[in-house]
Amino acid sequence: MKLLAITDIHDRGRYAKKLSAVKRDLTLVIGDITYFKSRDFALKILEAIKTDRPLLFVPGNCDDRGLLHLKEVYGITNIHGDKVEYENAVFIGLGGSNITPFATPIEFSEEEIWDILVKVVNNVKLDDKLLILVSHTPPYNSKVDLTHFGEHVGSVSVRRFIEEYQPALCLCGHIHEARGIDRIGNTLVVNPGPLMYKYYAIIEIKDKQINVELCKL
């Protein structure tokens, strides 16, 4: 299974369209599709990315709150607070972010984040499938939540969830400068980097082995 992972598009629809040529089985958009634009504007960008293969997304903290309540349209599926099974994996989603100093549209307290994640995972039957967390906000105290100022600003609840439930993979974004790969226990954590700077990632999963390629347009 080949995954295309994209985050932090921030209105760059022209870059999104260029990814239509990238071969994949599943597209994952990890939030901040827009920069404080409408739900309909976000959907136009998602439609530009979509191919004949499924597209799963979570909204980011800079997206319209209306996206939280959108489930499926035009073959595009929102997995915030939900799960989707695809081939040998179960994907669970968390949109928005932990609380920021900027009062962005979609933010949750750490208690809310924990409740969302646990509610979803309690409804998951893995049956030997891989558990994959798609979270706009990264786990706290990792390589992928470190700002230019040297501060870790990710979610402690996402970190706790990873430590306790050990998903095979966590895909995140939010911190533009923290593009990279980390590991928490048995969990591989990947921030593809913002598409607004032409970054994305390709993840290949074969026989439960996960290989990540950080790419640029």
N, C-alpha and C. Protein backbone atom coordinates (compact mmCIF):
# COMPACT_ATOMS: atom_id res chain seq x y z
N MET A 1 0.85 -1.19 0.00
CA MET A 1 0.00 0.00 0.00
C MET A 1 0.88 1.24 0.00
N LYS A 2 0.60 2.14 -0.91
CA LYS A 2 1.37 3.39 -1.01
C LYS A 2 0.48 4.55 -0.61
N LEU A 3 0.94 5.34 0.38
CA LEU A 3 0.20 6.48 0.88
C LEU A 3 0.88 7.77 0.45
N LEU A 4 0.09 8.74 0.04
CA LEU A 4 0.57 10.10 -0.19
C LEU A 4 0.11 10.93 1.00
N ALA A 5 1.06 11.50 1.75
CA ALA A 5 0.73 12.28 2.94
C ALA A 5 1.05 13.75 2.70
N ILE A 6 0.05 14.60 2.93
CA ILE A 6 0.15 16.04 2.66
C ILE A 6 -0.37 16.78 3.88
N THR A 7 0.31 17.85 4.24
CA THR A 7 -0.19 18.69 5.33
C THR A 7 0.11 20.16 5.05
N ASP A 8 -0.61 21.03 5.75
CA ASP A 8 -0.35 22.47 5.73
C ASP A 8 -0.25 23.02 4.30
N ILE A 9 -1.34 22.87 3.58
CA ILE A 9 -1.42 23.36 2.20
C ILE A 9 -1.55 24.88 2.18
N HIS A 10 -2.37 25.41 3.10
CA HIS A 10 -2.55 26.86 3.26
C HIS A 10 -2.82 27.56 1.93
N ASP A 11 -3.87 27.08 1.25
CA ASP A 11 -4.40 27.73 0.04
C ASP A 11 -3.61 27.46 -1.24
N ARG A 12 -2.49 26.76 -1.17
CA ARG A 12 -1.66 26.57 -2.37
C ARG A 12 -2.26 25.49 -3.27
N GLY A 13 -3.40 25.81 -3.86
CA GLY A 13 -4.07 24.85 -4.73
C GLY A 13 -3.23 24.46 -5.93
N ARG A 14 -2.39 25.36 -6.40
CA ARG A 14 -1.58 25.04 -7.58
C ARG A 14 -0.57 23.93 -7.28
N TYR A 15 -0.08 23.87 -6.04
CA TYR A 15 0.82 22.79 -5.66
C TYR A 15 0.02 21.49 -5.50
N ALA A 16 -1.17 21.62 -4.96
CA ALA A 16 -2.01 20.44 -4.78
C ALA A 16 -2.29 19.75 -6.12
N LYS A 17 -2.54 20.53 -7.16
CA LYS A 17 -2.84 19.97 -8.48
C LYS A 17 -1.65 19.21 -9.04
N LYS A 18 -0.43 19.67 -8.73
CA LYS A 18 0.76 19.00 -9.24
C LYS A 18 0.92 17.60 -8.68
N LEU A 19 0.29 17.33 -7.55
CA LEU A 19 0.40 16.01 -6.94
C LEU A 19 -0.50 14.98 -7.59
N SER A 20 -1.34 15.42 -8.52
CA SER A 20 -2.26 14.48 -9.17
C SER A 20 -1.50 13.40 -9.94
N ALA A 21 -0.26 13.69 -10.32
CA ALA A 21 0.53 12.72 -11.07
C ALA A 21 1.24 11.70 -10.17
N VAL A 22 1.21 11.93 -8.87
CA VAL A 22 1.89 11.01 -7.94
C VAL A 22 1.05 9.75 -7.75
N LYS A 23 1.60 8.61 -8.07
CA LYS A 23 0.86 7.35 -7.94
C LYS A 23 0.74 6.96 -6.48
N ARG A 24 -0.47 6.60 -6.06
CA ARG A 24 -0.70 6.17 -4.68
C ARG A 24 -2.00 5.38 -4.61
N ASP A 25 -2.14 4.64 -3.51
CA ASP A 25 -3.38 3.90 -3.26
C ASP A 25 -4.34 4.71 -2.42
N LEU A 26 -3.81 5.62 -1.61
CA LEU A 26 -4.62 6.39 -0.68
C LEU A 26 -3.96 7.73 -0.44
N THR A 27 -4.76 8.80 -0.40
CA THR A 27 -4.26 10.13 -0.09
C THR A 27 -4.69 10.53 1.30
N LEU A 28 -3.76 11.06 2.09
CA LEU A 28 -4.05 11.53 3.44
C LEU A 28 -3.69 13.01 3.52
N VAL A 29 -4.67 13.85 3.83
CA VAL A 29 -4.44 15.28 4.01
C VAL A 29 -4.58 15.58 5.50
N ILE A 30 -3.50 16.14 6.09
CA ILE A 30 -3.38 16.18 7.54
C ILE A 30 -3.64 17.60 8.07
N GLY A 31 -4.55 18.31 7.45
CA GLY A 31 -5.01 19.58 8.01
C GLY A 31 -4.34 20.83 7.49
N ASP A 32 -4.94 21.96 7.87
CA ASP A 32 -4.57 23.29 7.36
C ASP A 32 -4.57 23.30 5.84
N ILE A 33 -5.72 22.89 5.33
CA ILE A 33 -5.97 22.93 3.89
C ILE A 33 -5.98 24.39 3.43
N THR A 34 -6.52 25.24 4.28
CA THR A 34 -6.63 26.66 3.95
C THR A 34 -5.93 27.51 5.01
N TYR A 35 -5.94 28.80 4.76
CA TYR A 35 -5.47 29.76 5.75
C TYR A 35 -6.65 30.67 6.08
N PHE A 36 -7.51 30.16 6.97
CA PHE A 36 -8.70 30.89 7.44
C PHE A 36 -9.70 31.16 6.31
N LYS A 37 -9.81 30.20 5.37
CA LYS A 37 -10.80 30.32 4.30
C LYS A 37 -12.01 29.44 4.61
N SER A 38 -13.01 29.49 3.73
CA SER A 38 -14.27 28.80 3.96
C SER A 38 -14.17 27.30 3.76
N ARG A 39 -15.20 26.62 4.23
CA ARG A 39 -15.29 25.17 4.02
C ARG A 39 -15.31 24.84 2.55
N ASP A 40 -16.06 25.61 1.75
CA ASP A 40 -16.15 25.33 0.32
C ASP A 40 -14.81 25.52 -0.37
N PHE A 41 -14.05 26.51 0.07
CA PHE A 41 -12.72 26.72 -0.51
C PHE A 41 -11.83 25.52 -0.21
N ALA A 42 -11.92 25.00 1.01
CA ALA A 42 -11.15 23.81 1.38
C ALA A 42 -11.53 22.62 0.51
N LEU A 43 -12.82 22.47 0.26
CA LEU A 43 -13.28 21.34 -0.56
C LEU A 43 -12.76 21.44 -1.99
N LYS A 44 -12.66 22.64 -2.51
CA LYS A 44 -12.11 22.81 -3.86
C LYS A 44 -10.67 22.35 -3.94
N ILE A 45 -9.91 22.64 -2.89
CA ILE A 45 -8.52 22.20 -2.87
C ILE A 45 -8.44 20.68 -2.74
N LEU A 46 -9.28 20.11 -1.90
CA LEU A 46 -9.29 18.65 -1.75
C LEU A 46 -9.70 17.97 -3.05
N GLU A 47 -10.64 18.55 -3.76
CA GLU A 47 -11.05 18.00 -5.06
C GLU A 47 -9.90 18.05 -6.06
N ALA A 48 -9.07 19.09 -5.97
CA ALA A 48 -7.92 19.21 -6.88
C ALA A 48 -6.89 18.11 -6.61
N ILE A 49 -6.80 17.68 -5.36
CA ILE A 49 -5.85 16.63 -4.99
C ILE A 49 -6.38 15.25 -5.32
N LYS A 50 -7.69 15.08 -5.23
CA LYS A 50 -8.31 13.77 -5.34
C LYS A 50 -8.06 13.12 -6.70
N THR A 51 -7.85 11.82 -6.66
CA THR A 51 -7.76 11.01 -7.88
C THR A 51 -8.90 9.99 -7.82
N ASP A 52 -8.77 8.92 -8.54
CA ASP A 52 -9.78 7.86 -8.46
C ASP A 52 -9.57 6.98 -7.23
N ARG A 53 -8.55 7.26 -6.44
CA ARG A 53 -8.28 6.54 -5.21
C ARG A 53 -8.87 7.31 -4.03
N PRO A 54 -9.13 6.66 -2.91
CA PRO A 54 -9.75 7.36 -1.76
C PRO A 54 -8.87 8.48 -1.21
N LEU A 55 -9.54 9.48 -0.65
CA LEU A 55 -8.86 10.58 0.03
C LEU A 55 -9.45 10.73 1.42
N LEU A 56 -8.60 10.64 2.44
CA LEU A 56 -9.00 10.86 3.82
C LEU A 56 -8.35 12.14 4.32
N PHE A 57 -9.07 12.89 5.16
CA PHE A 57 -8.48 14.12 5.67
C PHE A 57 -8.95 14.41 7.09
N VAL A 58 -8.17 15.25 7.77
CA VAL A 58 -8.63 15.91 8.99
C VAL A 58 -8.43 17.41 8.78
N PRO A 59 -9.30 18.26 9.32
CA PRO A 59 -9.08 19.70 9.24
C PRO A 59 -7.96 20.12 10.18
N GLY A 60 -7.32 21.23 9.86
CA GLY A 60 -6.30 21.78 10.73
C GLY A 60 -6.86 22.90 11.58
N ASN A 61 -6.05 23.48 12.43
CA ASN A 61 -6.52 24.54 13.31
C ASN A 61 -6.85 25.83 12.55
N CYS A 62 -6.30 26.00 11.35
CA CYS A 62 -6.57 27.21 10.55
C CYS A 62 -7.73 27.03 9.58
N ASP A 63 -8.37 25.87 9.61
CA ASP A 63 -9.50 25.60 8.71
C ASP A 63 -10.83 26.00 9.33
N ASP A 64 -11.84 26.07 8.48
CA ASP A 64 -13.20 26.42 8.88
C ASP A 64 -13.77 25.31 9.79
N ARG A 65 -14.39 25.69 10.90
CA ARG A 65 -14.96 24.70 11.82
C ARG A 65 -16.04 23.86 11.15
N GLY A 66 -16.62 24.36 10.08
CA GLY A 66 -17.64 23.59 9.36
C GLY A 66 -17.12 22.27 8.83
N LEU A 67 -15.80 22.18 8.62
CA LEU A 67 -15.22 20.92 8.14
C LEU A 67 -15.32 19.82 9.18
N LEU A 68 -15.39 20.18 10.46
CA LEU A 68 -15.48 19.16 11.51
C LEU A 68 -16.72 18.29 11.34
N HIS A 69 -17.78 18.87 10.79
CA HIS A 69 -19.06 18.17 10.71
C HIS A 69 -19.31 17.55 9.33
N LEU A 70 -18.37 17.72 8.44
CA LEU A 70 -18.48 17.12 7.11
C LEU A 70 -17.94 15.70 7.18
N LYS A 71 -18.72 14.74 6.74
CA LYS A 71 -18.26 13.35 6.81
C LYS A 71 -17.72 12.87 5.48
N GLU A 72 -18.54 12.85 4.47
CA GLU A 72 -18.08 12.36 3.17
C GLU A 72 -18.79 13.11 2.05
N VAL A 73 -18.02 13.55 1.07
CA VAL A 73 -18.57 14.24 -0.08
C VAL A 73 -17.61 14.07 -1.24
N TYR A 74 -18.13 13.75 -2.40
CA TYR A 74 -17.32 13.58 -3.62
C TYR A 74 -16.19 12.56 -3.43
N GLY A 75 -16.43 11.55 -2.60
CA GLY A 75 -15.39 10.56 -2.37
C GLY A 75 -14.28 11.02 -1.45
N ILE A 76 -14.51 12.13 -0.76
CA ILE A 76 -13.55 12.70 0.20
C ILE A 76 -14.11 12.46 1.59
N THR A 77 -13.32 11.84 2.48
CA THR A 77 -13.82 11.43 3.79
C THR A 77 -13.07 12.12 4.91
N ASN A 78 -13.82 12.74 5.80
CA ASN A 78 -13.26 13.36 7.00
C ASN A 78 -13.18 12.31 8.10
N ILE A 79 -11.98 12.09 8.65
CA ILE A 79 -11.85 11.07 9.70
C ILE A 79 -11.59 11.69 11.08
N HIS A 80 -11.83 13.00 11.22
CA HIS A 80 -11.70 13.58 12.57
C HIS A 80 -12.68 12.91 13.52
N GLY A 81 -12.16 12.37 14.61
CA GLY A 81 -13.02 11.70 15.59
C GLY A 81 -13.65 10.44 15.05
N ASP A 82 -13.04 9.84 14.04
CA ASP A 82 -13.64 8.68 13.39
C ASP A 82 -12.53 7.74 12.91
N LYS A 83 -12.95 6.64 12.30
CA LYS A 83 -12.01 5.64 11.79
C LYS A 83 -12.42 5.18 10.41
N VAL A 84 -11.45 4.75 9.64
CA VAL A 84 -11.69 4.14 8.33
C VAL A 84 -10.73 2.97 8.18
N GLU A 85 -11.25 1.85 7.74
CA GLU A 85 -10.41 0.70 7.43
C GLU A 85 -10.08 0.71 5.95
N TYR A 86 -8.82 0.46 5.65
CA TYR A 86 -8.41 0.37 4.25
C TYR A 86 -7.29 -0.66 4.15
N GLU A 87 -7.52 -1.66 3.35
CA GLU A 87 -6.59 -2.78 3.18
C GLU A 87 -6.16 -3.31 4.55
N ASN A 88 -4.88 -3.27 4.86
CA ASN A 88 -4.41 -3.88 6.11
C ASN A 88 -4.21 -2.87 7.23
N ALA A 89 -4.93 -1.74 7.17
CA ALA A 89 -4.75 -0.69 8.17
C ALA A 89 -6.08 -0.11 8.62
N VAL A 90 -6.07 0.43 9.85
CA VAL A 90 -7.19 1.21 10.37
C VAL A 90 -6.66 2.61 10.65
N PHE A 91 -7.27 3.61 10.01
CA PHE A 91 -6.86 5.00 10.17
C PHE A 91 -7.82 5.70 11.13
N ILE A 92 -7.27 6.38 12.14
CA ILE A 92 -8.09 7.19 13.04
C ILE A 92 -7.60 8.63 12.95
N GLY A 93 -8.53 9.58 13.12
CA GLY A 93 -8.19 10.96 12.84
C GLY A 93 -8.44 11.93 13.98
N LEU A 94 -7.57 12.94 14.05
CA LEU A 94 -7.73 14.04 14.99
C LEU A 94 -7.41 15.34 14.27
N GLY A 95 -8.42 16.19 14.13
CA GLY A 95 -8.21 17.48 13.49
C GLY A 95 -7.91 18.58 14.50
N GLY A 96 -7.71 19.79 13.98
CA GLY A 96 -7.44 20.93 14.84
C GLY A 96 -6.10 20.80 15.55
N SER A 97 -5.97 21.52 16.65
CA SER A 97 -4.73 21.48 17.42
C SER A 97 -5.02 21.64 18.90
N ASN A 98 -4.00 21.45 19.70
CA ASN A 98 -4.09 21.86 21.09
C ASN A 98 -4.13 23.40 21.14
N ILE A 99 -4.37 23.96 22.30
CA ILE A 99 -4.57 25.41 22.43
C ILE A 99 -3.29 26.16 22.03
N THR A 100 -3.47 27.19 21.20
CA THR A 100 -2.35 28.02 20.76
C THR A 100 -2.53 29.45 21.30
N PRO A 101 -1.51 30.29 21.22
CA PRO A 101 -1.66 31.69 21.63
C PRO A 101 -2.46 32.53 20.64
N PHE A 102 -2.86 31.91 19.50
CA PHE A 102 -3.42 32.70 18.40
C PHE A 102 -4.93 32.56 18.24
N ALA A 103 -5.57 31.77 19.09
CA ALA A 103 -7.03 31.59 19.05
C ALA A 103 -7.51 31.25 17.64
N THR A 104 -6.92 30.23 17.03
CA THR A 104 -7.30 29.80 15.69
C THR A 104 -8.64 29.06 15.74
N PRO A 105 -9.29 28.87 14.58
CA PRO A 105 -10.67 28.38 14.58
C PRO A 105 -10.92 27.01 15.22
N ILE A 106 -9.97 26.06 15.06
CA ILE A 106 -10.22 24.72 15.59
C ILE A 106 -9.12 24.35 16.58
N GLU A 107 -9.42 24.54 17.85
CA GLU A 107 -8.49 24.19 18.91
C GLU A 107 -9.24 23.41 19.99
N PHE A 108 -8.53 22.49 20.63
CA PHE A 108 -9.13 21.67 21.68
C PHE A 108 -8.22 21.68 22.91
N SER A 109 -8.84 21.55 24.06
CA SER A 109 -8.06 21.35 25.28
C SER A 109 -7.43 19.96 25.23
N GLU A 110 -6.42 19.75 26.06
CA GLU A 110 -5.78 18.43 26.11
C GLU A 110 -6.78 17.36 26.55
N GLU A 111 -7.70 17.72 27.43
CA GLU A 111 -8.72 16.76 27.87
C GLU A 111 -9.63 16.38 26.70
N GLU A 112 -10.01 17.36 25.89
CA GLU A 112 -10.85 17.07 24.73
C GLU A 112 -10.12 16.18 23.73
N ILE A 113 -8.85 16.47 23.49
CA ILE A 113 -8.07 15.65 22.56
C ILE A 113 -8.01 14.21 23.04
N TRP A 114 -7.74 14.01 24.31
CA TRP A 114 -7.68 12.66 24.86
C TRP A 114 -9.01 11.94 24.70
N ASP A 115 -10.09 12.63 25.02
CA ASP A 115 -11.42 12.01 24.92
C ASP A 115 -11.75 11.62 23.47
N ILE A 116 -11.40 12.48 22.52
CA ILE A 116 -11.67 12.18 21.11
C ILE A 116 -10.92 10.92 20.68
N LEU A 117 -9.64 10.87 21.01
CA LEU A 117 -8.81 9.74 20.58
C LEU A 117 -9.24 8.42 21.23
N VAL A 118 -9.51 8.46 22.53
CA VAL A 118 -9.86 7.23 23.22
C VAL A 118 -11.23 6.72 22.77
N LYS A 119 -12.16 7.63 22.54
CA LYS A 119 -13.48 7.23 22.06
C LYS A 119 -13.37 6.50 20.73
N VAL A 120 -12.52 7.01 19.85
CA VAL A 120 -12.36 6.36 18.54
C VAL A 120 -11.67 5.01 18.68
N VAL A 121 -10.55 4.98 19.38
CA VAL A 121 -9.78 3.74 19.44
C VAL A 121 -10.54 2.64 20.16
N ASN A 122 -11.42 2.99 21.06
CA ASN A 122 -12.22 1.98 21.75
C ASN A 122 -13.22 1.30 20.82
N ASN A 123 -13.47 1.89 19.66
CA ASN A 123 -14.38 1.29 18.67
C ASN A 123 -13.63 0.59 17.54
N VAL A 124 -12.33 0.45 17.71
CA VAL A 124 -11.50 -0.17 16.67
C VAL A 124 -11.24 -1.64 16.99
N LYS A 125 -11.48 -2.48 16.00
CA LYS A 125 -11.07 -3.89 16.08
C LYS A 125 -9.98 -4.09 15.05
N LEU A 126 -8.75 -4.24 15.54
CA LEU A 126 -7.62 -4.28 14.60
C LEU A 126 -7.57 -5.58 13.81
N ASP A 127 -7.84 -6.71 14.46
CA ASP A 127 -7.80 -7.99 13.75
C ASP A 127 -6.54 -8.11 12.91
N ASP A 128 -5.40 -7.84 13.52
CA ASP A 128 -4.09 -7.95 12.88
C ASP A 128 -3.82 -6.83 11.87
N LYS A 129 -4.64 -5.79 11.87
CA LYS A 129 -4.40 -4.63 11.01
C LYS A 129 -3.50 -3.63 11.74
N LEU A 130 -2.84 -2.79 10.97
CA LEU A 130 -2.02 -1.73 11.54
C LEU A 130 -2.90 -0.56 11.97
N LEU A 131 -2.59 0.01 13.11
CA LEU A 131 -3.29 1.22 13.56
C LEU A 131 -2.46 2.43 13.14
N ILE A 132 -3.10 3.37 12.42
CA ILE A 132 -2.42 4.56 11.94
C ILE A 132 -3.18 5.79 12.43
N LEU A 133 -2.47 6.66 13.14
CA LEU A 133 -3.05 7.90 13.65
C LEU A 133 -2.73 9.05 12.70
N VAL A 134 -3.78 9.76 12.28
CA VAL A 134 -3.63 10.93 11.42
C VAL A 134 -4.04 12.14 12.27
N SER A 135 -3.06 12.90 12.75
CA SER A 135 -3.31 13.98 13.70
C SER A 135 -2.65 15.26 13.20
N HIS A 136 -3.44 16.31 13.03
CA HIS A 136 -2.82 17.57 12.59
C HIS A 136 -1.76 18.03 13.59
N THR A 137 -2.08 17.94 14.86
CA THR A 137 -1.12 18.37 15.87
C THR A 137 -0.16 17.23 16.21
N PRO A 138 1.14 17.52 16.31
CA PRO A 138 2.11 16.47 16.59
C PRO A 138 2.19 16.13 18.07
N PRO A 139 2.83 15.02 18.39
CA PRO A 139 3.04 14.68 19.80
C PRO A 139 4.06 15.61 20.45
N TYR A 140 3.81 15.93 21.70
CA TYR A 140 4.70 16.80 22.47
C TYR A 140 6.08 16.17 22.67
N ASN A 141 7.09 17.04 22.72
CA ASN A 141 8.46 16.63 23.04
C ASN A 141 8.99 15.61 22.05
N SER A 142 8.94 15.97 20.78
CA SER A 142 9.43 15.11 19.71
C SER A 142 10.18 15.96 18.70
N LYS A 143 10.78 15.31 17.72
CA LYS A 143 11.48 16.05 16.67
C LYS A 143 10.51 16.83 15.79
N VAL A 144 9.25 16.43 15.79
CA VAL A 144 8.30 17.00 14.84
C VAL A 144 7.38 18.06 15.47
N ASP A 145 7.68 18.49 16.69
CA ASP A 145 6.88 19.58 17.29
C ASP A 145 7.76 20.72 17.78
N LEU A 146 8.99 20.77 17.28
CA LEU A 146 9.97 21.74 17.76
C LEU A 146 9.97 22.99 16.88
N THR A 147 9.73 24.16 17.50
CA THR A 147 9.68 25.41 16.75
C THR A 147 11.08 25.98 16.54
N HIS A 148 11.12 27.02 15.70
CA HIS A 148 12.39 27.73 15.47
C HIS A 148 12.98 28.28 16.78
N PHE A 149 12.11 28.52 17.75
CA PHE A 149 12.55 29.10 19.02
C PHE A 149 13.01 28.03 20.02
N GLY A 150 13.03 26.78 19.57
CA GLY A 150 13.48 25.70 20.44
C GLY A 150 12.46 25.22 21.44
N GLU A 151 11.18 25.53 21.18
CA GLU A 151 10.10 25.12 22.09
C GLU A 151 9.34 23.94 21.51
N HIS A 152 9.00 23.00 22.37
CA HIS A 152 8.12 21.89 22.00
C HIS A 152 6.68 22.33 22.25
N VAL A 153 5.86 22.33 21.19
CA VAL A 153 4.50 22.88 21.32
C VAL A 153 3.42 21.88 20.90
N GLY A 154 3.77 20.62 20.78
CA GLY A 154 2.79 19.61 20.40
C GLY A 154 1.85 19.27 21.55
N SER A 155 1.02 18.29 21.31
CA SER A 155 0.00 17.89 22.27
C SER A 155 0.50 16.80 23.22
N VAL A 156 0.34 17.05 24.51
CA VAL A 156 0.72 16.02 25.49
C VAL A 156 -0.24 14.84 25.43
N SER A 157 -1.48 15.10 25.03
CA SER A 157 -2.45 14.00 24.93
C SER A 157 -2.16 13.11 23.72
N VAL A 158 -1.73 13.70 22.61
CA VAL A 158 -1.32 12.89 21.46
C VAL A 158 -0.10 12.05 21.84
N ARG A 159 0.84 12.65 22.56
CA ARG A 159 2.01 11.90 23.03
C ARG A 159 1.58 10.75 23.94
N ARG A 160 0.72 11.04 24.89
CA ARG A 160 0.25 10.00 25.80
C ARG A 160 -0.46 8.88 25.05
N PHE A 161 -1.27 9.25 24.07
CA PHE A 161 -2.00 8.25 23.28
C PHE A 161 -1.01 7.34 22.56
N ILE A 162 0.00 7.92 21.94
CA ILE A 162 1.00 7.12 21.24
C ILE A 162 1.72 6.19 22.20
N GLU A 163 2.10 6.70 23.37
CA GLU A 163 2.81 5.88 24.34
C GLU A 163 1.96 4.71 24.84
N GLU A 164 0.66 4.96 25.02
CA GLU A 164 -0.20 3.92 25.59
C GLU A 164 -0.72 2.93 24.55
N TYR A 165 -1.02 3.42 23.34
CA TYR A 165 -1.66 2.56 22.33
C TYR A 165 -0.71 2.13 21.23
N GLN A 166 0.44 2.77 21.11
CA GLN A 166 1.49 2.38 20.17
C GLN A 166 0.97 2.08 18.75
N PRO A 167 0.34 3.06 18.10
CA PRO A 167 0.01 2.86 16.70
C PRO A 167 1.28 2.60 15.89
N ALA A 168 1.14 1.93 14.77
CA ALA A 168 2.32 1.65 13.95
C ALA A 168 2.89 2.93 13.37
N LEU A 169 2.01 3.90 13.08
CA LEU A 169 2.41 5.13 12.40
C LEU A 169 1.56 6.28 12.89
N CYS A 170 2.19 7.44 13.08
CA CYS A 170 1.48 8.69 13.34
C CYS A 170 1.91 9.70 12.28
N LEU A 171 0.96 10.22 11.54
CA LEU A 171 1.21 11.26 10.55
C LEU A 171 0.67 12.57 11.10
N CYS A 172 1.50 13.62 11.08
CA CYS A 172 1.11 14.89 11.68
C CYS A 172 1.64 16.05 10.85
N GLY A 173 1.39 17.27 11.31
CA GLY A 173 1.84 18.47 10.62
C GLY A 173 1.93 19.61 11.61
N HIS A 174 1.28 20.75 11.25
CA HIS A 174 1.08 21.87 12.16
C HIS A 174 2.33 22.73 12.37
N ILE A 175 3.46 22.12 12.73
CA ILE A 175 4.69 22.87 12.97
C ILE A 175 5.51 22.83 11.69
N HIS A 176 5.44 23.91 10.93
CA HIS A 176 6.00 23.94 9.58
C HIS A 176 7.49 23.62 9.55
N GLU A 177 8.23 24.12 10.54
CA GLU A 177 9.68 23.98 10.53
C GLU A 177 10.16 22.64 11.07
N ALA A 178 9.20 21.78 11.50
CA ALA A 178 9.59 20.52 12.15
C ALA A 178 9.40 19.32 11.23
N ARG A 179 9.60 19.52 9.95
CA ARG A 179 9.54 18.42 9.00
C ARG A 179 10.55 17.35 9.40
N GLY A 180 10.11 16.10 9.44
CA GLY A 180 11.05 15.06 9.80
C GLY A 180 10.39 13.78 10.25
N ILE A 181 11.21 12.89 10.76
CA ILE A 181 10.79 11.56 11.18
C ILE A 181 11.32 11.30 12.59
N ASP A 182 10.48 10.74 13.44
CA ASP A 182 10.87 10.42 14.80
C ASP A 182 10.27 9.06 15.16
N ARG A 183 10.61 8.58 16.32
CA ARG A 183 10.03 7.33 16.81
C ARG A 183 9.73 7.48 18.29
N ILE A 184 8.53 7.06 18.68
CA ILE A 184 8.14 7.01 20.09
C ILE A 184 7.77 5.57 20.39
N GLY A 185 8.64 4.87 21.09
CA GLY A 185 8.42 3.45 21.30
C GLY A 185 8.44 2.73 19.96
N ASN A 186 7.37 2.01 19.67
CA ASN A 186 7.26 1.29 18.40
C ASN A 186 6.57 2.12 17.31
N THR A 187 6.23 3.36 17.62
CA THR A 187 5.47 4.19 16.68
C THR A 187 6.40 5.06 15.86
N LEU A 188 6.26 4.97 14.54
CA LEU A 188 6.97 5.85 13.63
C LEU A 188 6.15 7.13 13.48
N VAL A 189 6.77 8.28 13.70
CA VAL A 189 6.08 9.57 13.67
C VAL A 189 6.65 10.40 12.51
N VAL A 190 5.76 10.88 11.63
CA VAL A 190 6.21 11.57 10.42
C VAL A 190 5.48 12.90 10.26
N ASN A 191 6.24 13.97 10.11
CA ASN A 191 5.72 15.26 9.69
C ASN A 191 6.25 15.50 8.28
N PRO A 192 5.40 15.39 7.25
CA PRO A 192 5.88 15.51 5.86
C PRO A 192 6.43 16.88 5.51
N GLY A 193 6.14 17.88 6.34
CA GLY A 193 6.49 19.26 6.01
C GLY A 193 5.36 19.88 5.21
N PRO A 194 5.25 21.20 5.23
CA PRO A 194 4.11 21.87 4.62
C PRO A 194 4.15 21.86 3.09
N LEU A 195 2.99 21.53 2.50
CA LEU A 195 2.91 21.61 1.04
C LEU A 195 3.07 23.05 0.56
N MET A 196 2.76 24.03 1.42
CA MET A 196 2.95 25.42 1.03
C MET A 196 4.42 25.71 0.69
N TYR A 197 5.33 24.87 1.19
CA TYR A 197 6.75 24.96 0.83
C TYR A 197 7.15 23.81 -0.10
N LYS A 198 6.13 23.18 -0.70
CA LYS A 198 6.30 22.13 -1.71
C LYS A 198 6.71 20.78 -1.14
N TYR A 199 6.53 20.55 0.16
CA TYR A 199 6.91 19.29 0.78
C TYR A 199 5.73 18.33 0.85
N TYR A 200 6.04 17.04 0.80
CA TYR A 200 5.04 15.99 1.02
C TYR A 200 5.81 14.71 1.34
N ALA A 201 5.09 13.63 1.60
CA ALA A 201 5.76 12.36 1.91
C ALA A 201 5.05 11.21 1.21
N ILE A 202 5.83 10.21 0.88
CA ILE A 202 5.31 8.94 0.37
C ILE A 202 5.64 7.87 1.40
N ILE A 203 4.61 7.13 1.80
CA ILE A 203 4.80 6.05 2.77
C ILE A 203 4.38 4.75 2.11
N GLU A 204 5.26 3.78 2.12
CA GLU A 204 4.94 2.46 1.57
C GLU A 204 4.89 1.45 2.70
N ILE A 205 3.80 0.68 2.72
CA ILE A 205 3.60 -0.33 3.74
C ILE A 205 3.50 -1.69 3.06
N LYS A 206 4.40 -2.58 3.43
CA LYS A 206 4.40 -3.92 2.84
C LYS A 206 4.75 -4.92 3.93
N ASP A 207 3.87 -5.88 4.14
CA ASP A 207 4.08 -6.89 5.18
C ASP A 207 4.41 -6.25 6.52
N LYS A 208 3.68 -5.17 6.84
CA LYS A 208 3.80 -4.44 8.10
C LYS A 208 5.12 -3.68 8.25
N GLN A 209 5.90 -3.65 7.19
CA GLN A 209 7.10 -2.82 7.17
C GLN A 209 6.75 -1.46 6.59
N ILE A 210 7.18 -0.39 7.24
CA ILE A 210 6.83 0.97 6.82
C ILE A 210 8.08 1.70 6.38
N ASN A 211 8.05 2.18 5.13
CA ASN A 211 9.16 2.96 4.59
C ASN A 211 8.65 4.35 4.23
N VAL A 212 9.40 5.36 4.64
CA VAL A 212 8.99 6.75 4.44
C VAL A 212 10.00 7.48 3.55
N GLU A 213 9.47 8.21 2.58
CA GLU A 213 10.30 9.08 1.75
C GLU A 213 9.76 10.52 1.87
N LEU A 214 10.60 11.41 2.37
CA LEU A 214 10.24 12.83 2.43
C LEU A 214 10.58 13.44 1.08
N CYS A 215 9.59 14.07 0.45
CA CYS A 215 9.73 14.51 -0.94
C CYS A 215 9.49 16.02 -1.08
N LYS A 216 9.85 16.55 -2.25
CA LYS A 216 9.59 17.94 -2.57
C LYS A 216 9.22 18.06 -4.03
N LEU A 217 8.25 18.90 -4.33
CA LEU A 217 7.83 19.13 -5.72
C LEU A 217 8.97 19.74 -6.53
